[in-house]
Amino acid sequence: MATRLSDVAARAGVSVKTVSNVINDYPHITARTRAKVEAAIAALDYKPNVSARSLRKGRSDFIALAIPEMGSPYFAELGAAISRAAKRRGITVLIDQTEGESAAERFVLDGMRGQLIDGIIFSPLATAPAKLTSADTGKPLVLLGERPAGGQFDRVAVDSVRASYDATTHLLSLGRHRIAAIGVGGTSTGAVRRKGYRKALKAAGMPHDPALELAATGYHRLDGAASMRELLALPEPPDAVFCFNDLLALGALRTLADAGLRVPEDIAVVGFDDIEDGRYHSPSLTTISPDKEWLADNAVALLLDRIAGNGGSTHRDLTVPHTLQIRESTAG
């Protein structure tokens, strides 16, 4: 038989109301009484009824994080950072993988699991901006990434245009003249980062060459490897490559190694995301490094502020700080 609240009260020698106040972290409880109740809870292995508690409080203290891929190192690192940021505030994060599928993302925009969660942090991939603008989630929601929502939702995002401009400018500063880009098109990420790449070329007085701009089926190592093989087959291969995420860059580096080319002497490579794998690769990867801890902390803070009923009708758009981490793939 499950332990009841009254069992804990009897063991601690206090009222049921006092036990409830301790469980709900009521502030005006003496240290001695709190210690007695917590000892009784531990001794009886009492598990509070989360559903009943949620109904009383009007919230569950659970939020959802909906991301395209849990297997992606970037989203794994970001998910861990968001979980830490939530835990510091006494909140539990439930993670949902959408795989970038429209139906799964619609489920997120429909509010996901009803009363089980208080709000959602969402990184969309397949959902068009127009769909985001007209969505009615019934739950507070904070967006991550490049897709705007027409002012409906708060958003936390890297300035990918500026970051891509910085990455390309770095390659130009090394005297590279044929700078390729891997990952253009297909997603809003690809389109936005291509904009920054082209902007840097234009600022340097260099035209962009369509033959050096390669789309990618996905943003994985195999896609980067395949794109790099295509670039090496050109009559005049590039002398530098900007990959729109680190996994593409790691795949490109593998192809260059297989071809016997030196990095960065023959071809310099820059990635985007600053995942741990890139730091320990040989050569280590020069990359755009978004501040993931800052992103996570501010996304959680925005969402909890909305859950508390704050923020008004004006959406908030926060820009994540980024730096260029120069490593062996460009510095040698």
Protein backbone atom coordinates (compact mmCIF):
# COMPACT_ATOMS: atom_id res chain seq x y z
CA MET A 1 0.00 0.00 0.00
CA ALA A 2 1.33 3.43 -0.94
CA THR A 3 2.42 5.76 1.83
CA ARG A 4 -0.10 8.52 2.49
CA LEU A 5 0.38 12.08 3.63
CA SER A 6 -1.23 11.15 6.96
CA ASP A 7 1.39 8.42 7.49
CA VAL A 8 4.17 10.97 7.13
CA ALA A 9 2.37 13.34 9.51
CA ALA A 10 1.94 10.61 12.15
CA ARG A 11 5.60 9.59 11.96
CA ALA A 12 6.83 13.21 12.18
CA GLY A 13 4.36 14.09 14.92
CA VAL A 14 2.87 17.01 13.01
CA SER A 15 -0.35 17.79 11.18
CA VAL A 16 -1.11 16.80 7.59
CA LYS A 17 -1.21 20.52 6.75
CA THR A 18 2.34 20.96 8.05
CA VAL A 19 3.59 18.08 5.90
CA SER A 20 1.88 19.67 2.89
CA ASN A 21 3.51 23.02 3.65
CA VAL A 22 6.96 21.40 3.77
CA ILE A 23 6.40 19.55 0.49
CA ASN A 24 5.25 22.76 -1.18
CA ASP A 25 8.25 24.65 0.23
CA TYR A 26 6.15 27.02 2.34
CA PRO A 27 8.67 29.51 3.79
CA HIS A 28 7.32 29.92 7.34
CA ILE A 29 8.32 26.49 8.65
CA THR A 30 10.94 26.16 11.38
CA ALA A 31 14.13 24.33 10.52
CA ARG A 32 13.40 21.75 13.25
CA THR A 33 9.92 20.97 11.91
CA ARG A 34 11.14 20.83 8.30
CA ALA A 35 13.91 18.41 9.30
CA LYS A 36 11.41 16.11 11.11
CA VAL A 37 9.07 16.02 8.12
CA GLU A 38 11.87 15.43 5.61
CA ALA A 39 13.23 12.61 7.76
CA ALA A 40 9.77 11.00 7.86
CA ILE A 41 9.40 11.37 4.08
CA ALA A 42 12.77 9.67 3.56
CA ALA A 43 12.06 6.89 6.07
CA LEU A 44 8.67 6.05 4.56
CA ASP A 45 9.83 6.66 0.94
CA TYR A 46 6.84 8.94 0.42
CA LYS A 47 6.21 10.07 -3.18
CA PRO A 48 4.00 13.16 -3.55
CA ASN A 49 1.09 12.95 -5.99
CA VAL A 50 2.41 15.19 -8.77
CA SER A 51 -0.95 15.47 -10.57
CA ALA A 52 -2.83 16.54 -7.46
CA ARG A 53 -0.06 18.95 -6.53
CA SER A 54 -0.15 20.47 -10.01
CA LEU A 55 -3.89 21.04 -9.78
CA ARG A 56 -3.51 22.81 -6.45
CA LYS A 57 -0.64 25.03 -7.64
CA GLY A 58 -2.10 25.70 -11.07
CA ARG A 59 1.14 24.58 -12.71
CA SER A 60 3.21 21.40 -13.01
CA ASP A 61 6.77 22.79 -12.86
CA PHE A 62 7.47 20.82 -16.05
CA ILE A 63 8.42 22.48 -19.33
CA ALA A 64 9.02 20.86 -22.70
CA LEU A 65 11.99 21.27 -25.01
CA ALA A 66 11.16 20.31 -28.60
CA ILE A 67 14.21 19.90 -30.85
CA PRO A 68 14.81 18.30 -34.26
CA GLU A 69 17.49 15.78 -33.22
CA MET A 70 18.57 14.48 -29.85
CA GLY A 71 21.51 12.72 -31.56
CA SER A 72 22.90 16.01 -32.84
CA PRO A 73 25.86 17.11 -30.68
CA TYR A 74 24.72 20.73 -30.85
CA PHE A 75 21.20 19.97 -29.63
CA ALA A 76 22.53 17.52 -27.05
CA GLU A 77 24.79 20.22 -25.60
CA LEU A 78 22.00 22.81 -25.79
CA GLY A 79 19.49 20.44 -24.18
CA ALA A 80 21.87 19.79 -21.31
CA ALA A 81 22.37 23.55 -20.82
CA ILE A 82 18.59 24.17 -20.82
CA SER A 83 18.09 21.35 -18.31
CA ARG A 84 20.71 22.91 -16.03
CA ALA A 85 19.13 26.36 -16.35
CA ALA A 86 15.69 24.95 -15.51
CA LYS A 87 16.97 22.85 -12.61
CA ARG A 88 18.46 25.95 -10.97
CA ARG A 89 14.90 27.30 -10.90
CA GLY A 90 13.28 24.09 -9.63
CA ILE A 91 11.87 23.16 -13.05
CA THR A 92 12.05 19.79 -14.84
CA VAL A 93 12.55 19.61 -18.62
CA LEU A 94 10.85 16.99 -20.79
CA ILE A 95 12.57 16.59 -24.18
CA ASP A 96 10.70 15.79 -27.37
CA GLN A 97 12.38 14.95 -30.70
CA THR A 98 10.48 16.22 -33.73
CA GLU A 99 12.97 14.93 -36.34
CA GLY A 100 12.10 18.09 -38.25
CA GLU A 101 8.79 16.56 -39.36
CA SER A 102 5.81 18.81 -40.00
CA ALA A 103 3.32 16.60 -38.12
CA ALA A 104 5.53 16.44 -35.05
CA GLU A 105 6.05 20.20 -35.08
CA ARG A 106 2.29 20.76 -35.43
CA PHE A 107 1.86 18.64 -32.30
CA VAL A 108 4.22 21.01 -30.50
CA LEU A 109 2.32 24.07 -31.73
CA ASP A 110 -0.96 22.49 -30.57
CA GLY A 111 0.32 22.58 -27.01
CA MET A 112 1.79 19.07 -26.79
CA ARG A 113 0.70 17.28 -23.61
CA GLY A 114 -2.04 19.45 -22.21
CA GLN A 115 -1.76 20.03 -18.48
CA LEU A 116 1.41 17.96 -18.08
CA ILE A 117 3.57 20.96 -19.06
CA ASP A 118 3.51 24.66 -18.30
CA GLY A 119 5.26 25.87 -21.45
CA ILE A 120 7.47 24.97 -24.40
CA ILE A 121 10.90 25.89 -25.74
CA PHE A 122 10.78 25.03 -29.44
CA SER A 123 13.39 24.84 -32.18
CA PRO A 124 11.39 24.44 -35.43
CA LEU A 125 12.82 23.07 -38.65
CA ALA A 126 9.91 22.23 -40.97
CA THR A 127 7.36 24.84 -39.89
CA ALA A 128 7.08 27.87 -42.15
CA PRO A 129 7.11 31.35 -40.58
CA ALA A 130 3.49 31.87 -41.66
CA LYS A 131 2.42 28.82 -39.65
CA LEU A 132 4.24 30.14 -36.60
CA THR A 133 2.54 33.49 -36.97
CA SER A 134 -0.94 31.93 -36.95
CA ALA A 135 -0.27 29.20 -34.35
CA ASP A 136 -2.40 29.01 -31.19
CA THR A 137 -0.51 26.81 -28.75
CA GLY A 138 -2.59 27.48 -25.67
CA LYS A 139 0.74 27.40 -23.81
CA PRO A 140 3.55 29.93 -23.38
CA LEU A 141 6.19 29.21 -26.01
CA VAL A 142 9.71 30.48 -26.69
CA LEU A 143 11.29 29.95 -30.09
CA LEU A 144 14.92 29.12 -30.79
CA GLY A 145 16.62 29.70 -34.12
CA GLU A 146 16.26 31.77 -37.26
CA ARG A 147 12.51 31.47 -37.90
CA PRO A 148 10.61 34.65 -36.94
CA ALA A 149 7.05 34.29 -35.65
CA GLY A 150 5.66 37.63 -36.68
CA GLY A 151 5.90 38.99 -33.17
CA GLN A 152 3.73 36.28 -31.62
CA PHE A 153 6.33 34.45 -29.55
CA ASP A 154 9.46 35.41 -27.67
CA ARG A 155 12.58 34.25 -29.48
CA VAL A 156 16.23 33.61 -28.63
CA ALA A 157 18.57 33.29 -31.61
CA VAL A 158 22.12 33.73 -32.84
CA ASP A 159 22.64 36.52 -35.37
CA SER A 160 23.55 34.03 -38.08
CA VAL A 161 24.07 36.72 -40.70
CA ARG A 162 26.67 38.48 -38.56
CA ALA A 163 28.26 35.22 -37.41
CA SER A 164 28.57 33.93 -40.99
CA TYR A 165 29.99 37.28 -42.06
CA ASP A 166 32.61 36.95 -39.30
CA ALA A 167 33.51 33.39 -40.34
CA THR A 168 33.90 34.33 -44.01
CA THR A 169 35.82 37.52 -43.20
CA HIS A 170 38.27 35.43 -41.17
CA LEU A 171 38.97 33.24 -44.21
CA LEU A 172 39.38 36.33 -46.40
CA SER A 173 41.88 37.75 -43.89
CA LEU A 174 44.03 34.66 -44.48
CA GLY A 175 44.33 35.59 -48.16
CA ARG A 176 41.89 32.94 -49.40
CA HIS A 177 40.20 33.80 -52.69
CA ARG A 178 38.00 30.81 -53.55
CA ILE A 179 35.86 30.36 -50.47
CA ALA A 180 33.19 27.69 -50.71
CA ALA A 181 30.07 27.36 -48.58
CA ILE A 182 28.49 24.02 -47.60
CA GLY A 183 24.90 23.91 -46.36
CA VAL A 184 23.24 26.68 -48.38
CA GLY A 185 19.50 26.58 -49.08
CA GLY A 186 16.96 24.03 -47.94
CA THR A 187 16.36 25.46 -44.47
CA SER A 188 16.05 28.94 -43.02
CA THR A 189 19.43 28.31 -41.38
CA GLY A 190 21.03 27.73 -44.78
CA ALA A 191 19.44 30.81 -46.32
CA VAL A 192 20.39 33.12 -43.45
CA ARG A 193 23.98 31.90 -43.18
CA ARG A 194 24.44 32.18 -46.95
CA LYS A 195 23.35 35.80 -46.65
CA GLY A 196 26.19 36.52 -44.21
CA TYR A 197 28.67 34.59 -46.35
CA ARG A 198 27.76 36.56 -49.48
CA LYS A 199 27.78 39.83 -47.56
CA ALA A 200 31.39 39.26 -46.50
CA LEU A 201 32.45 38.43 -50.07
CA LYS A 202 30.75 41.56 -51.37
CA ALA A 203 32.42 43.72 -48.71
CA ALA A 204 35.78 42.36 -49.89
CA GLY A 205 34.93 43.13 -53.53
CA MET A 206 34.69 39.45 -54.47
CA PRO A 207 31.76 38.05 -56.45
CA HIS A 208 30.12 34.87 -55.19
CA ASP A 209 30.57 31.83 -57.43
CA PRO A 210 27.45 29.60 -57.57
CA ALA A 211 29.69 26.59 -58.19
CA LEU A 212 31.19 27.10 -54.73
CA GLU A 213 27.81 27.20 -52.95
CA LEU A 214 26.63 23.68 -52.18
CA ALA A 215 23.35 22.64 -50.64
CA ALA A 216 23.33 19.69 -48.26
CA THR A 217 20.67 17.00 -47.91
CA GLY A 218 21.20 17.16 -44.16
CA TYR A 219 23.60 18.79 -41.72
CA HIS A 220 25.56 15.65 -40.86
CA ARG A 221 29.12 14.41 -41.36
CA LEU A 222 28.26 12.33 -44.42
CA ASP A 223 26.68 15.39 -46.08
CA GLY A 224 29.80 17.44 -45.44
CA ALA A 225 32.02 14.66 -46.76
CA ALA A 226 29.96 14.31 -49.95
CA SER A 227 29.90 18.06 -50.57
CA MET A 228 33.66 18.30 -50.10
CA ARG A 229 34.22 15.55 -52.69
CA GLU A 230 32.07 17.54 -55.11
CA LEU A 231 34.12 20.68 -54.49
CA LEU A 232 37.41 18.86 -55.00
CA ALA A 233 36.15 17.61 -58.37
CA LEU A 234 35.81 21.18 -59.68
CA PRO A 235 38.33 22.32 -62.33
CA GLU A 236 39.43 24.93 -59.80
CA PRO A 237 38.78 23.67 -56.24
CA PRO A 238 38.37 26.10 -53.34
CA ASP A 239 41.19 27.16 -51.03
CA ALA A 240 38.81 27.57 -48.08
CA VAL A 241 35.42 26.26 -46.97
CA PHE A 242 32.83 27.69 -44.61
CA CYS A 243 30.55 24.88 -43.39
CA PHE A 244 27.23 25.95 -41.92
CA ASN A 245 27.60 23.63 -38.93
CA ASP A 246 30.41 21.68 -37.30
CA LEU A 247 29.20 18.24 -38.38
CA LEU A 248 29.42 19.33 -42.03
CA ALA A 249 32.92 20.62 -41.32
CA LEU A 250 34.03 17.37 -39.67
CA GLY A 251 32.79 15.42 -42.70
CA ALA A 252 34.63 17.82 -45.01
CA LEU A 253 37.83 17.37 -43.00
CA ARG A 254 37.59 13.60 -43.43
CA THR A 255 37.34 13.94 -47.21
CA LEU A 256 40.33 16.29 -47.27
CA ALA A 257 42.38 13.83 -45.20
CA ASP A 258 41.44 10.97 -47.52
CA ALA A 259 42.50 13.09 -50.52
CA GLY A 260 45.91 13.76 -48.94
CA LEU A 261 45.31 17.49 -48.69
CA ARG A 262 46.70 19.56 -45.84
CA VAL A 263 44.50 21.67 -43.58
CA PRO A 264 44.87 24.62 -43.48
CA GLU A 265 47.82 24.83 -45.90
CA ASP A 266 45.85 23.59 -48.93
CA ILE A 267 42.31 24.28 -47.76
CA ALA A 268 41.20 26.12 -44.61
CA VAL A 269 37.97 25.06 -42.92
CA VAL A 270 35.55 26.90 -40.61
CA GLY A 271 32.47 25.43 -38.93
CA PHE A 272 29.56 26.76 -36.89
CA ASP A 273 28.28 25.68 -33.41
CA ASP A 274 31.48 24.91 -31.45
CA ILE A 275 30.57 21.35 -30.49
CA GLU A 276 32.97 19.39 -28.32
CA ASP A 277 33.90 17.00 -31.15
CA GLY A 278 35.40 19.89 -33.12
CA ARG A 279 37.62 20.99 -30.25
CA TYR A 280 39.26 17.57 -30.02
CA HIS A 281 39.45 16.74 -33.72
CA SER A 282 42.83 16.76 -35.44
CA PRO A 283 43.14 19.40 -36.73
CA SER A 284 40.95 21.17 -34.18
CA LEU A 285 38.15 23.09 -35.83
CA THR A 286 37.90 26.85 -36.16
CA THR A 287 34.23 27.65 -35.59
CA ILE A 288 31.56 30.15 -34.66
CA SER A 289 30.82 29.62 -30.97
CA PRO A 290 27.36 30.69 -29.78
CA ASP A 291 27.12 31.13 -26.02
CA LYS A 292 24.92 28.09 -25.31
CA GLU A 293 24.75 28.70 -21.56
CA TRP A 294 23.55 32.27 -22.16
CA LEU A 295 21.03 31.01 -24.72
CA ALA A 296 19.71 28.35 -22.35
CA ASP A 297 19.47 30.63 -19.32
CA ASN A 298 17.63 33.35 -21.21
CA ALA A 299 15.25 30.97 -23.01
CA VAL A 300 14.21 29.43 -19.69
CA ALA A 301 13.91 32.85 -18.02
CA LEU A 302 11.68 34.17 -20.84
CA LEU A 303 9.45 31.11 -20.72
CA LEU A 304 9.02 31.18 -16.93
CA ASP A 305 8.26 34.88 -17.12
CA ARG A 306 5.46 34.13 -19.60
CA ILE A 307 4.19 31.26 -17.45
CA ALA A 308 3.99 33.70 -14.54
CA GLY A 309 1.81 35.96 -16.68
CA ASN A 310 4.43 38.63 -17.28
CA GLY A 311 5.80 40.19 -20.46
CA GLY A 312 2.64 41.78 -21.82
CA SER A 313 1.70 41.55 -25.49
CA THR A 314 5.05 42.67 -26.87
CA HIS A 315 7.29 39.82 -27.96
CA ARG A 316 10.94 39.82 -26.93
CA ASP A 317 13.72 38.96 -29.37
CA LEU A 318 17.10 38.21 -27.76
CA THR A 319 20.35 37.85 -29.68
CA VAL A 320 22.80 35.22 -28.44
CA PRO A 321 26.41 36.43 -28.14
CA HIS A 322 28.90 34.62 -30.37
CA THR A 323 32.65 34.50 -30.85
CA LEU A 324 34.96 33.13 -33.52
CA GLN A 325 37.13 30.38 -31.99
CA ILE A 326 40.28 30.20 -34.11
CA ARG A 327 41.90 26.78 -34.05
CA GLU A 328 44.16 24.59 -36.21
CA SER A 329 41.86 24.22 -39.23
CA THR A 330 42.65 27.84 -40.16
CA ALA A 331 45.59 28.79 -37.94
CA GLY A 332 47.72 25.72 -38.53
